[in-house]
Structure formats: structure tokens, C-alpha cells
Amino acid sequence: ALNSATLSTKSLAVLRDPRSGSPSSLPDDGTASPTVGPDGRVYVGVLE
């Protein structure tokens, strides 16, 4: 998450597999992109 005006970092979350606890896979062959819900929560798709 960056400040949209300055591009300074506001926060980041390391994405992990909820079952194994290992870092999730974010391959360059997919099209996963963030979706922002009406309550401001952010949803993303990852590989286990």
C-alpha cells in the first residue's frame, strides 16, 4: 500500500498460505489484482 500522491510506502503485508504458513506464490503467469471492498478491505488471489 503506497500513498497515491507521493508513492511513499504506507504499509505492506507478506502473503502467506493460511494452512502451511509458507509464503504464498505470486506467479507472473496469472492476472491476480487487488480488489477493494466497500468497507475498505483489500482482497487478492494467490497460489498455495
All heavy atoms as atom14 arrays in JSON, in Angstrom:
{
  "sequence": "ALNSATLSTKSLAVLRDPRSGSPSSLPDDGTASPTVGPDGRVYVGVLE",
  "atom14_mask": [
    [1, 1, 1, 1, 1, 0, 0, 0, 0, 0, 0, 0, 0, 0],
    [1, 1, 1, 1, 1, 1, 1, 1, 0, 0, 0, 0, 0, 0],
    [1, 1, 1, 1, 1, 1, 1, 1, 0, 0, 0, 0, 0, 0],
    [1, 1, 1, 1, 1, 1, 0, 0, 0, 0, 0, 0, 0, 0],
    [1, 1, 1, 1, 1, 0, 0, 0, 0, 0, 0, 0, 0, 0],
    [1, 1, 1, 1, 1, 1, 1, 0, 0, 0, 0, 0, 0, 0],
    [1, 1, 1, 1, 1, 1, 1, 1, 0, 0, 0, 0, 0, 0],
    [1, 1, 1, 1, 1, 1, 0, 0, 0, 0, 0, 0, 0, 0],
    [1, 1, 1, 1, 1, 1, 1, 0, 0, 0, 0, 0, 0, 0],
    [1, 1, 1, 1, 1, 1, 1, 1, 1, 0, 0, 0, 0, 0],
    [1, 1, 1, 1, 1, 1, 0, 0, 0, 0, 0, 0, 0, 0],
    [1, 1, 1, 1, 1, 1, 1, 1, 0, 0, 0, 0, 0, 0],
    [1, 1, 1, 1, 1, 0, 0, 0, 0, 0, 0, 0, 0, 0],
    [1, 1, 1, 1, 1, 1, 1, 0, 0, 0, 0, 0, 0, 0],
    [1, 1, 1, 1, 1, 1, 1, 1, 0, 0, 0, 0, 0, 0],
    [1, 1, 1, 1, 1, 1, 1, 1, 1, 1, 1, 0, 0, 0],
    [1, 1, 1, 1, 1, 1, 1, 1, 0, 0, 0, 0, 0, 0],
    [1, 1, 1, 1, 1, 1, 1, 0, 0, 0, 0, 0, 0, 0],
    [1, 1, 1, 1, 1, 1, 1, 1, 1, 1, 1, 0, 0, 0],
    [1, 1, 1, 1, 1, 1, 0, 0, 0, 0, 0, 0, 0, 0],
    [1, 1, 1, 1, 0, 0, 0, 0, 0, 0, 0, 0, 0, 0],
    [1, 1, 1, 1, 1, 1, 0, 0, 0, 0, 0, 0, 0, 0],
    [1, 1, 1, 1, 1, 1, 1, 0, 0, 0, 0, 0, 0, 0],
    [1, 1, 1, 1, 1, 1, 0, 0, 0, 0, 0, 0, 0, 0],
    [1, 1, 1, 1, 1, 1, 0, 0, 0, 0, 0, 0, 0, 0],
    [1, 1, 1, 1, 1, 1, 1, 1, 0, 0, 0, 0, 0, 0],
    [1, 1, 1, 1, 1, 1, 1, 0, 0, 0, 0, 0, 0, 0],
    [1, 1, 1, 1, 1, 1, 1, 1, 0, 0, 0, 0, 0, 0],
    [1, 1, 1, 1, 1, 1, 1, 1, 0, 0, 0, 0, 0, 0],
    [1, 1, 1, 1, 0, 0, 0, 0, 0, 0, 0, 0, 0, 0],
    [1, 1, 1, 1, 1, 1, 1, 0, 0, 0, 0, 0, 0, 0],
    [1, 1, 1, 1, 1, 0, 0, 0, 0, 0, 0, 0, 0, 0],
    [1, 1, 1, 1, 1, 1, 0, 0, 0, 0, 0, 0, 0, 0],
    [1, 1, 1, 1, 1, 1, 1, 0, 0, 0, 0, 0, 0, 0],
    [1, 1, 1, 1, 1, 1, 1, 0, 0, 0, 0, 0, 0, 0],
    [1, 1, 1, 1, 1, 1, 1, 0, 0, 0, 0, 0, 0, 0],
    [1, 1, 1, 1, 0, 0, 0, 0, 0, 0, 0, 0, 0, 0],
    [1, 1, 1, 1, 1, 1, 1, 0, 0, 0, 0, 0, 0, 0],
    [1, 1, 1, 1, 1, 1, 1, 1, 0, 0, 0, 0, 0, 0],
    [1, 1, 1, 1, 0, 0, 0, 0, 0, 0, 0, 0, 0, 0],
    [1, 1, 1, 1, 1, 1, 1, 1, 1, 1, 1, 0, 0, 0],
    [1, 1, 1, 1, 1, 1, 1, 0, 0, 0, 0, 0, 0, 0],
    [1, 1, 1, 1, 1, 1, 1, 1, 1, 1, 1, 1, 0, 0],
    [1, 1, 1, 1, 1, 1, 1, 0, 0, 0, 0, 0, 0, 0],
    [1, 1, 1, 1, 0, 0, 0, 0, 0, 0, 0, 0, 0, 0],
    [1, 1, 1, 1, 1, 1, 1, 0, 0, 0, 0, 0, 0, 0],
    [1, 1, 1, 1, 1, 1, 1, 1, 0, 0, 0, 0, 0, 0],
    [1, 1, 1, 1, 1, 1, 1, 1, 1, 0, 0, 0, 0, 0]
  ],
  "atom14_positions": [
    [[0.85, -1.19, 0.0], [0.0, 0.0, 0.0], [0.89, 1.24, 0.0], [1.72, 1.42, 0.89], [-0.91, 0.01, 1.23], [0.0, 0.0, 0.0], [0.0, 0.0, 0.0], [0.0, 0.0, 0.0], [0.0, 0.0, 0.0], [0.0, 0.0, 0.0], [0.0, 0.0, 0.0], [0.0, 0.0, 0.0], [0.0, 0.0, 0.0], [0.0, 0.0, 0.0]],
    [[0.73, 2.09, -1.01], [1.5, 3.31, -1.12], [0.58, 4.53, -1.02], [-0.59, 4.46, -1.4], [2.24, 3.38, -2.46], [3.19, 2.26, -2.84], [3.88, 2.59, -4.17], [4.22, 2.01, -1.76], [0.0, 0.0, 0.0], [0.0, 0.0, 0.0], [0.0, 0.0, 0.0], [0.0, 0.0, 0.0], [0.0, 0.0, 0.0], [0.0, 0.0, 0.0]],
    [[1.13, 5.64, -0.57], [0.45, 6.91, -0.69], [0.31, 7.21, -2.18], [1.3, 7.22, -2.92], [1.27, 8.01, 0.0], [0.63, 9.37, -0.08], [0.46, 9.93, -1.16], [0.3, 9.93, 1.07], [0.0, 0.0, 0.0], [0.0, 0.0, 0.0], [0.0, 0.0, 0.0], [0.0, 0.0, 0.0], [0.0, 0.0, 0.0], [0.0, 0.0, 0.0]],
    [[-0.91, 7.43, -2.66], [-1.13, 7.53, -4.09], [-0.54, 8.8, -4.7], [-0.28, 8.85, -5.91], [-2.63, 7.48, -4.4], [-3.3, 8.57, -3.79], [0.0, 0.0, 0.0], [0.0, 0.0, 0.0], [0.0, 0.0, 0.0], [0.0, 0.0, 0.0], [0.0, 0.0, 0.0], [0.0, 0.0, 0.0], [0.0, 0.0, 0.0], [0.0, 0.0, 0.0]],
    [[-0.28, 9.81, -3.89], [0.29, 11.06, -4.4], [1.8, 11.04, -4.4], [2.45, 11.42, -5.38], [-0.21, 12.24, -3.57], [0.0, 0.0, 0.0], [0.0, 0.0, 0.0], [0.0, 0.0, 0.0], [0.0, 0.0, 0.0], [0.0, 0.0, 0.0], [0.0, 0.0, 0.0], [0.0, 0.0, 0.0], [0.0, 0.0, 0.0], [0.0, 0.0, 0.0]],
    [[2.41, 10.55, -3.32], [3.86, 10.59, -3.18], [4.54, 9.28, -3.5], [5.75, 9.23, -3.7], [4.24, 10.98, -1.74], [3.82, 9.94, -0.84], [3.57, 12.3, -1.34], [0.0, 0.0, 0.0], [0.0, 0.0, 0.0], [0.0, 0.0, 0.0], [0.0, 0.0, 0.0], [0.0, 0.0, 0.0], [0.0, 0.0, 0.0], [0.0, 0.0, 0.0]],
    [[3.77, 8.18, -3.54], [4.28, 6.81, -3.72], [5.2, 6.38, -2.58], [6.03, 5.47, -2.74], [4.97, 6.63, -5.07], [4.13, 6.91, -6.32], [4.88, 6.5, -7.57], [2.78, 6.21, -6.24], [0.0, 0.0, 0.0], [0.0, 0.0, 0.0], [0.0, 0.0, 0.0], [0.0, 0.0, 0.0], [0.0, 0.0, 0.0], [0.0, 0.0, 0.0]],
    [[5.05, 7.0, -1.43], [5.76, 6.52, -0.24], [4.99, 5.35, 0.35], [3.76, 5.27, 0.24], [5.9, 7.64, 0.79], [4.62, 8.11, 1.2], [0.0, 0.0, 0.0], [0.0, 0.0, 0.0], [0.0, 0.0, 0.0], [0.0, 0.0, 0.0], [0.0, 0.0, 0.0], [0.0, 0.0, 0.0], [0.0, 0.0, 0.0], [0.0, 0.0, 0.0]],
    [[5.7, 4.42, 0.97], [5.08, 3.21, 1.49], [4.28, 3.52, 2.75], [4.79, 4.11, 3.7], [6.15, 2.15, 1.81], [6.88, 1.87, 0.61], [5.51, 0.87, 2.31], [0.0, 0.0, 0.0], [0.0, 0.0, 0.0], [0.0, 0.0, 0.0], [0.0, 0.0, 0.0], [0.0, 0.0, 0.0], [0.0, 0.0, 0.0], [0.0, 0.0, 0.0]],
    [[3.01, 3.09, 2.76], [2.16, 3.22, 3.94], [2.19, 1.94, 4.76], [2.24, 1.97, 5.99], [0.73, 3.57, 3.52], [0.63, 4.89, 2.78], [-0.78, 5.17, 2.29], [-1.71, 5.58, 3.42], [-3.02, 6.08, 2.88], [0.0, 0.0, 0.0], [0.0, 0.0, 0.0], [0.0, 0.0, 0.0], [0.0, 0.0, 0.0], [0.0, 0.0, 0.0]],
    [[2.13, 0.8, 4.07], [2.17, -0.49, 4.77], [2.37, -1.58, 3.73], [2.22, -1.36, 2.52], [0.88, -0.74, 5.55], [-0.23, -0.81, 4.67], [0.0, 0.0, 0.0], [0.0, 0.0, 0.0], [0.0, 0.0, 0.0], [0.0, 0.0, 0.0], [0.0, 0.0, 0.0], [0.0, 0.0, 0.0], [0.0, 0.0, 0.0], [0.0, 0.0, 0.0]],
    [[2.74, -2.77, 4.21], [2.78, -3.93, 3.33], [2.48, -5.17, 4.16], [2.7, -5.2, 5.37], [4.11, -4.05, 2.6], [5.41, -4.29, 3.37], [5.62, -5.77, 3.68], [6.59, -3.79, 2.54], [0.0, 0.0, 0.0], [0.0, 0.0, 0.0], [0.0, 0.0, 0.0], [0.0, 0.0, 0.0], [0.0, 0.0, 0.0], [0.0, 0.0, 0.0]],
    [[1.95, -6.18, 3.5], [1.63, -7.44, 4.16], [2.27, -8.57, 3.37], [2.06, -8.69, 2.15], [0.13, -7.64, 4.23], [0.0, 0.0, 0.0], [0.0, 0.0, 0.0], [0.0, 0.0, 0.0], [0.0, 0.0, 0.0], [0.0, 0.0, 0.0], [0.0, 0.0, 0.0], [0.0, 0.0, 0.0], [0.0, 0.0, 0.0], [0.0, 0.0, 0.0]],
    [[3.09, -9.38, 4.03], [3.63, -10.58, 3.4], [2.5, -11.59, 3.29], [1.82, -11.89, 4.27], [4.8, -11.14, 4.22], [5.29, -12.46, 3.62], [5.94, -10.14, 4.28], [0.0, 0.0, 0.0], [0.0, 0.0, 0.0], [0.0, 0.0, 0.0], [0.0, 0.0, 0.0], [0.0, 0.0, 0.0], [0.0, 0.0, 0.0], [0.0, 0.0, 0.0]],
    [[2.28, -12.11, 2.11], [1.16, -13.02, 1.86], [1.59, -14.45, 2.11], [2.55, -14.95, 1.51], [0.68, -12.84, 0.42], [0.22, -11.43, 0.08], [-0.12, -11.31, -1.4], [-0.97, -11.02, 0.93], [0.0, 0.0, 0.0], [0.0, 0.0, 0.0], [0.0, 0.0, 0.0], [0.0, 0.0, 0.0], [0.0, 0.0, 0.0], [0.0, 0.0, 0.0]],
    [[0.85, -15.13, 3.0], [1.21, -16.5, 3.39], [0.05, -17.46, 3.16], [-1.12, -17.07, 3.24], [1.63, -16.53, 4.86], [2.87, -15.68, 5.15], [3.33, -15.85, 6.6], [4.53, -15.06, 6.85], [5.76, -15.44, 6.55], [5.95, -16.63, 5.97], [6.79, -14.66, 6.8], [0.0, 0.0, 0.0], [0.0, 0.0, 0.0], [0.0, 0.0, 0.0]],
    [[0.4, -18.69, 2.89], [-0.6, -19.74, 2.8], [-1.2, -19.94, 4.18], [-0.48, -20.16, 5.16], [0.07, -21.03, 2.32], [-0.93, -22.14, 2.07], [-1.6, -22.56, 3.05], [-1.03, -22.6, 0.93], [0.0, 0.0, 0.0], [0.0, 0.0, 0.0], [0.0, 0.0, 0.0], [0.0, 0.0, 0.0], [0.0, 0.0, 0.0], [0.0, 0.0, 0.0]],
    [[-2.53, -19.85, 4.32], [-3.14, -19.94, 5.66], [-2.98, -21.3, 6.32], [-3.08, -21.41, 7.55], [-4.61, -19.62, 5.4], [-4.83, -19.93, 3.96], [-3.54, -19.6, 3.28], [0.0, 0.0, 0.0], [0.0, 0.0, 0.0], [0.0, 0.0, 0.0], [0.0, 0.0, 0.0], [0.0, 0.0, 0.0], [0.0, 0.0, 0.0], [0.0, 0.0, 0.0]],
    [[-2.73, -22.35, 5.53], [-2.59, -23.68, 6.12], [-1.13, -24.02, 6.43], [-0.81, -24.47, 7.53], [-3.18, -24.74, 5.19], [-3.11, -26.15, 5.76], [-3.86, -27.14, 4.89], [-5.3, -26.84, 4.86], [-6.17, -27.54, 4.14], [-5.76, -28.55, 3.39], [-7.45, -27.23, 4.16], [0.0, 0.0, 0.0], [0.0, 0.0, 0.0], [0.0, 0.0, 0.0]],
    [[-0.23, -23.78, 5.48], [1.18, -24.17, 5.69], [1.98, -23.08, 6.39], [3.0, -23.38, 7.0], [1.83, -24.48, 4.34], [1.99, -23.3, 3.57], [0.0, 0.0, 0.0], [0.0, 0.0, 0.0], [0.0, 0.0, 0.0], [0.0, 0.0, 0.0], [0.0, 0.0, 0.0], [0.0, 0.0, 0.0], [0.0, 0.0, 0.0], [0.0, 0.0, 0.0]],
    [[1.52, -21.82, 6.28], [2.28, -20.71, 6.84], [3.44, -20.28, 5.96], [4.13, -19.31, 6.29], [0.0, 0.0, 0.0], [0.0, 0.0, 0.0], [0.0, 0.0, 0.0], [0.0, 0.0, 0.0], [0.0, 0.0, 0.0], [0.0, 0.0, 0.0], [0.0, 0.0, 0.0], [0.0, 0.0, 0.0], [0.0, 0.0, 0.0], [0.0, 0.0, 0.0]],
    [[3.66, -20.95, 4.86], [4.74, -20.59, 3.94], [4.33, -19.4, 3.08], [3.13, -19.16, 2.87], [5.08, -21.77, 3.03], [5.48, -22.9, 3.79], [0.0, 0.0, 0.0], [0.0, 0.0, 0.0], [0.0, 0.0, 0.0], [0.0, 0.0, 0.0], [0.0, 0.0, 0.0], [0.0, 0.0, 0.0], [0.0, 0.0, 0.0], [0.0, 0.0, 0.0]],
    [[5.29, -18.63, 2.58], [4.95, -17.54, 1.67], [4.16, -18.05, 0.48], [4.5, -19.08, -0.11], [6.31, -16.99, 1.25], [7.22, -17.34, 2.38], [6.75, -18.68, 2.86], [0.0, 0.0, 0.0], [0.0, 0.0, 0.0], [0.0, 0.0, 0.0], [0.0, 0.0, 0.0], [0.0, 0.0, 0.0], [0.0, 0.0, 0.0], [0.0, 0.0, 0.0]],
    [[3.08, -17.36, 0.14], [2.26, -17.76, -1.0], [3.02, -17.53, -2.29], [4.04, -16.83, -2.33], [0.96, -16.96, -1.02], [0.19, -17.22, 0.13], [0.0, 0.0, 0.0], [0.0, 0.0, 0.0], [0.0, 0.0, 0.0], [0.0, 0.0, 0.0], [0.0, 0.0, 0.0], [0.0, 0.0, 0.0], [0.0, 0.0, 0.0], [0.0, 0.0, 0.0]],
    [[2.5, -18.1, -3.36], [3.11, -17.94, -4.67], [2.36, -16.86, -5.46], [1.12, -16.86, -5.51], [3.07, -19.26, -5.44], [3.58, -19.12, -6.74], [0.0, 0.0, 0.0], [0.0, 0.0, 0.0], [0.0, 0.0, 0.0], [0.0, 0.0, 0.0], [0.0, 0.0, 0.0], [0.0, 0.0, 0.0], [0.0, 0.0, 0.0], [0.0, 0.0, 0.0]],
    [[3.11, -15.94, -6.04], [2.54, -14.9, -6.91], [3.2, -15.01, -8.28], [4.12, -14.25, -8.6], [2.77, -13.51, -6.31], [2.07, -13.17, -5.0], [2.47, -11.78, -4.54], [0.56, -13.27, -5.16], [0.0, 0.0, 0.0], [0.0, 0.0, 0.0], [0.0, 0.0, 0.0], [0.0, 0.0, 0.0], [0.0, 0.0, 0.0], [0.0, 0.0, 0.0]],
    [[2.76, -15.94, -9.12], [3.42, -16.16, -10.4], [3.13, -15.04, -11.39], [2.08, -14.39, -11.33], [2.83, -17.49, -10.87], [1.46, -17.52, -10.25], [1.62, -16.86, -8.91], [0.0, 0.0, 0.0], [0.0, 0.0, 0.0], [0.0, 0.0, 0.0], [0.0, 0.0, 0.0], [0.0, 0.0, 0.0], [0.0, 0.0, 0.0], [0.0, 0.0, 0.0]],
    [[4.04, -14.85, -12.33], [3.85, -13.84, -13.37], [2.96, -14.33, -14.5], [2.71, -13.58, -15.45], [5.21, -13.41, -13.93], [5.94, -12.46, -13.01], [5.27, -11.7, -12.29], [7.18, -12.46, -13.01], [0.0, 0.0, 0.0], [0.0, 0.0, 0.0], [0.0, 0.0, 0.0], [0.0, 0.0, 0.0], [0.0, 0.0, 0.0], [0.0, 0.0, 0.0]],
    [[2.48, -15.57, -14.43], [1.62, -16.1, -15.48], [0.14, -15.85, -15.22], [-0.7, -16.19, -16.05], [1.83, -17.61, -15.63], [3.22, -17.93, -16.18], [3.8, -17.06, -16.84], [3.71, -19.04, -15.92], [0.0, 0.0, 0.0], [0.0, 0.0, 0.0], [0.0, 0.0, 0.0], [0.0, 0.0, 0.0], [0.0, 0.0, 0.0], [0.0, 0.0, 0.0]],
    [[-0.21, -15.29, -14.06], [-1.62, -15.06, -13.72], [-2.05, -13.63, -14.0], [-1.33, -12.85, -14.63], [0.0, 0.0, 0.0], [0.0, 0.0, 0.0], [0.0, 0.0, 0.0], [0.0, 0.0, 0.0], [0.0, 0.0, 0.0], [0.0, 0.0, 0.0], [0.0, 0.0, 0.0], [0.0, 0.0, 0.0], [0.0, 0.0, 0.0], [0.0, 0.0, 0.0]],
    [[-3.23, -13.28, -13.51], [-3.75, -11.92, -13.66], [-4.3, -11.4, -12.33], [-5.11, -10.46, -12.32], [-4.87, -11.86, -14.71], [-5.91, -12.78, -14.35], [-4.35, -12.21, -16.1], [0.0, 0.0, 0.0], [0.0, 0.0, 0.0], [0.0, 0.0, 0.0], [0.0, 0.0, 0.0], [0.0, 0.0, 0.0], [0.0, 0.0, 0.0], [0.0, 0.0, 0.0]],
    [[-3.89, -12.01, -11.21], [-4.42, -11.6, -9.91], [-4.13, -10.13, -9.65], [-2.99, -9.67, -9.8], [-3.82, -12.46, -8.8], [0.0, 0.0, 0.0], [0.0, 0.0, 0.0], [0.0, 0.0, 0.0], [0.0, 0.0, 0.0], [0.0, 0.0, 0.0], [0.0, 0.0, 0.0], [0.0, 0.0, 0.0], [0.0, 0.0, 0.0], [0.0, 0.0, 0.0]],
    [[-5.15, -9.39, -9.24], [-5.04, -7.97, -8.93], [-5.88, -7.67, -7.7], [-6.89, -8.34, -7.46], [-5.53, -7.12, -10.11], [-4.79, -7.39, -11.29], [0.0, 0.0, 0.0], [0.0, 0.0, 0.0], [0.0, 0.0, 0.0], [0.0, 0.0, 0.0], [0.0, 0.0, 0.0], [0.0, 0.0, 0.0], [0.0, 0.0, 0.0], [0.0, 0.0, 0.0]],
    [[-5.5, -6.67, -6.91], [-6.29, -6.35, -5.72], [-7.69, -5.85, -6.06], [-7.9, -5.19, -7.08], [-5.47, -5.23, -5.05], [-4.11, -5.33, -5.64], [-4.31, -5.83, -7.03], [0.0, 0.0, 0.0], [0.0, 0.0, 0.0], [0.0, 0.0, 0.0], [0.0, 0.0, 0.0], [0.0, 0.0, 0.0], [0.0, 0.0, 0.0], [0.0, 0.0, 0.0]],
    [[-8.63, -6.19, -5.19], [-9.99, -5.63, -5.24], [-10.25, -4.98, -3.89], [-10.0, -5.58, -2.85], [-11.03, -6.72, -5.51], [-10.86, -7.24, -6.83], [-12.44, -6.16, -5.38], [0.0, 0.0, 0.0], [0.0, 0.0, 0.0], [0.0, 0.0, 0.0], [0.0, 0.0, 0.0], [0.0, 0.0, 0.0], [0.0, 0.0, 0.0], [0.0, 0.0, 0.0]],
    [[-10.77, -3.76, -3.92], [-11.06, -3.03, -2.7], [-12.57, -3.07, -2.45], [-13.36, -2.64, -3.3], [-10.58, -1.57, -2.78], [-10.87, -0.83, -1.47], [-9.09, -1.52, -3.09], [0.0, 0.0, 0.0], [0.0, 0.0, 0.0], [0.0, 0.0, 0.0], [0.0, 0.0, 0.0], [0.0, 0.0, 0.0], [0.0, 0.0, 0.0], [0.0, 0.0, 0.0]],
    [[-12.97, -3.62, -1.3], [-14.38, -3.73, -0.97], [-14.97, -2.42, -0.48], [-14.25, -1.45, -0.19], [0.0, 0.0, 0.0], [0.0, 0.0, 0.0], [0.0, 0.0, 0.0], [0.0, 0.0, 0.0], [0.0, 0.0, 0.0], [0.0, 0.0, 0.0], [0.0, 0.0, 0.0], [0.0, 0.0, 0.0], [0.0, 0.0, 0.0], [0.0, 0.0, 0.0]],
    [[-16.3, -2.36, -0.35], [-16.96, -1.14, 0.12], [-16.52, -0.71, 1.52], [-16.58, 0.48, 1.86], [-18.45, -1.52, 0.11], [-18.55, -2.65, -0.85], [-17.27, -3.41, -0.72], [0.0, 0.0, 0.0], [0.0, 0.0, 0.0], [0.0, 0.0, 0.0], [0.0, 0.0, 0.0], [0.0, 0.0, 0.0], [0.0, 0.0, 0.0], [0.0, 0.0, 0.0]],
    [[-16.06, -1.67, 2.34], [-15.61, -1.34, 3.7], [-14.12, -1.03, 3.75], [-13.56, -0.84, 4.83], [-15.93, -2.49, 4.66], [-15.25, -3.8, 4.26], [-14.55, -3.84, 3.22], [-15.42, -4.8, 5.0], [0.0, 0.0, 0.0], [0.0, 0.0, 0.0], [0.0, 0.0, 0.0], [0.0, 0.0, 0.0], [0.0, 0.0, 0.0], [0.0, 0.0, 0.0]],
    [[-13.46, -0.99, 2.59], [-12.05, -0.66, 2.54], [-11.12, -1.85, 2.63], [-9.9, -1.69, 2.48], [0.0, 0.0, 0.0], [0.0, 0.0, 0.0], [0.0, 0.0, 0.0], [0.0, 0.0, 0.0], [0.0, 0.0, 0.0], [0.0, 0.0, 0.0], [0.0, 0.0, 0.0], [0.0, 0.0, 0.0], [0.0, 0.0, 0.0], [0.0, 0.0, 0.0]],
    [[-11.65, -3.04, 2.89], [-10.79, -4.22, 2.93], [-10.32, -4.58, 1.53], [-11.02, -4.38, 0.55], [-11.54, -5.39, 3.56], [-11.84, -5.19, 5.04], [-12.56, -6.37, 5.63], [-12.79, -6.19, 7.07], [-13.45, -7.04, 7.83], [-13.96, -8.16, 7.3], [-13.61, -6.8, 9.12], [0.0, 0.0, 0.0], [0.0, 0.0, 0.0], [0.0, 0.0, 0.0]],
    [[-9.1, -5.13, 1.47], [-8.48, -5.44, 0.19], [-8.4, -6.96, 0.03], [-7.97, -7.67, 0.94], [-7.07, -4.82, 0.1], [-6.44, -5.12, -1.25], [-7.14, -3.32, 0.33], [0.0, 0.0, 0.0], [0.0, 0.0, 0.0], [0.0, 0.0, 0.0], [0.0, 0.0, 0.0], [0.0, 0.0, 0.0], [0.0, 0.0, 0.0], [0.0, 0.0, 0.0]],
    [[-8.8, -7.44, -1.13], [-8.82, -8.87, -1.41], [-7.89, -9.16, -2.59], [-7.89, -8.42, -3.59], [-10.24, -9.33, -1.76], [-11.24, -9.07, -0.66], [-11.87, -7.83, -0.54], [-11.55, -10.06, 0.27], [-12.78, -7.58, 0.48], [-12.47, -9.82, 1.29], [-13.07, -8.58, 1.39], [-13.97, -8.33, 2.39], [0.0, 0.0, 0.0], [0.0, 0.0, 0.0]],
    [[-7.1, -10.24, -2.46], [-6.2, -10.64, -3.55], [-6.22, -12.15, -3.69], [-6.47, -12.87, -2.72], [-4.75, -10.15, -3.32], [-4.67, -8.65, -3.35], [-4.19, -10.7, -2.02], [0.0, 0.0, 0.0], [0.0, 0.0, 0.0], [0.0, 0.0, 0.0], [0.0, 0.0, 0.0], [0.0, 0.0, 0.0], [0.0, 0.0, 0.0], [0.0, 0.0, 0.0]],
    [[-5.93, -12.61, -4.88], [-5.82, -14.04, -5.13], [-4.36, -14.46, -5.19], [-3.54, -13.77, -5.8], [0.0, 0.0, 0.0], [0.0, 0.0, 0.0], [0.0, 0.0, 0.0], [0.0, 0.0, 0.0], [0.0, 0.0, 0.0], [0.0, 0.0, 0.0], [0.0, 0.0, 0.0], [0.0, 0.0, 0.0], [0.0, 0.0, 0.0], [0.0, 0.0, 0.0]],
    [[-4.02, -15.58, -4.54], [-2.66, -16.1, -4.55], [-2.72, -17.61, -4.78], [-3.78, -18.22, -4.67], [-1.93, -15.8, -3.22], [-1.85, -14.31, -2.96], [-2.61, -16.51, -2.05], [0.0, 0.0, 0.0], [0.0, 0.0, 0.0], [0.0, 0.0, 0.0], [0.0, 0.0, 0.0], [0.0, 0.0, 0.0], [0.0, 0.0, 0.0], [0.0, 0.0, 0.0]],
    [[-1.57, -18.19, -5.07], [-1.47, -19.64, -5.15], [-0.94, -20.2, -3.84], [-0.11, -19.56, -3.17], [-0.53, -20.06, -6.28], [-1.09, -19.95, -7.72], [-0.04, -20.39, -8.71], [-2.36, -20.76, -7.89], [0.0, 0.0, 0.0], [0.0, 0.0, 0.0], [0.0, 0.0, 0.0], [0.0, 0.0, 0.0], [0.0, 0.0, 0.0], [0.0, 0.0, 0.0]],
    [[-1.42, -21.4, -3.49], [-0.99, -22.02, -2.23], [0.49, -22.4, -2.28], [1.09, -22.49, -3.36], [-1.83, -23.25, -1.93], [-1.54, -24.46, -2.81], [-2.3, -24.48, -4.11], [-2.89, -23.44, -4.48], [-2.3, -25.53, -4.78], [0.0, 0.0, 0.0], [0.0, 0.0, 0.0], [0.0, 0.0, 0.0], [0.0, 0.0, 0.0], [0.0, 0.0, 0.0]]
  ]
}
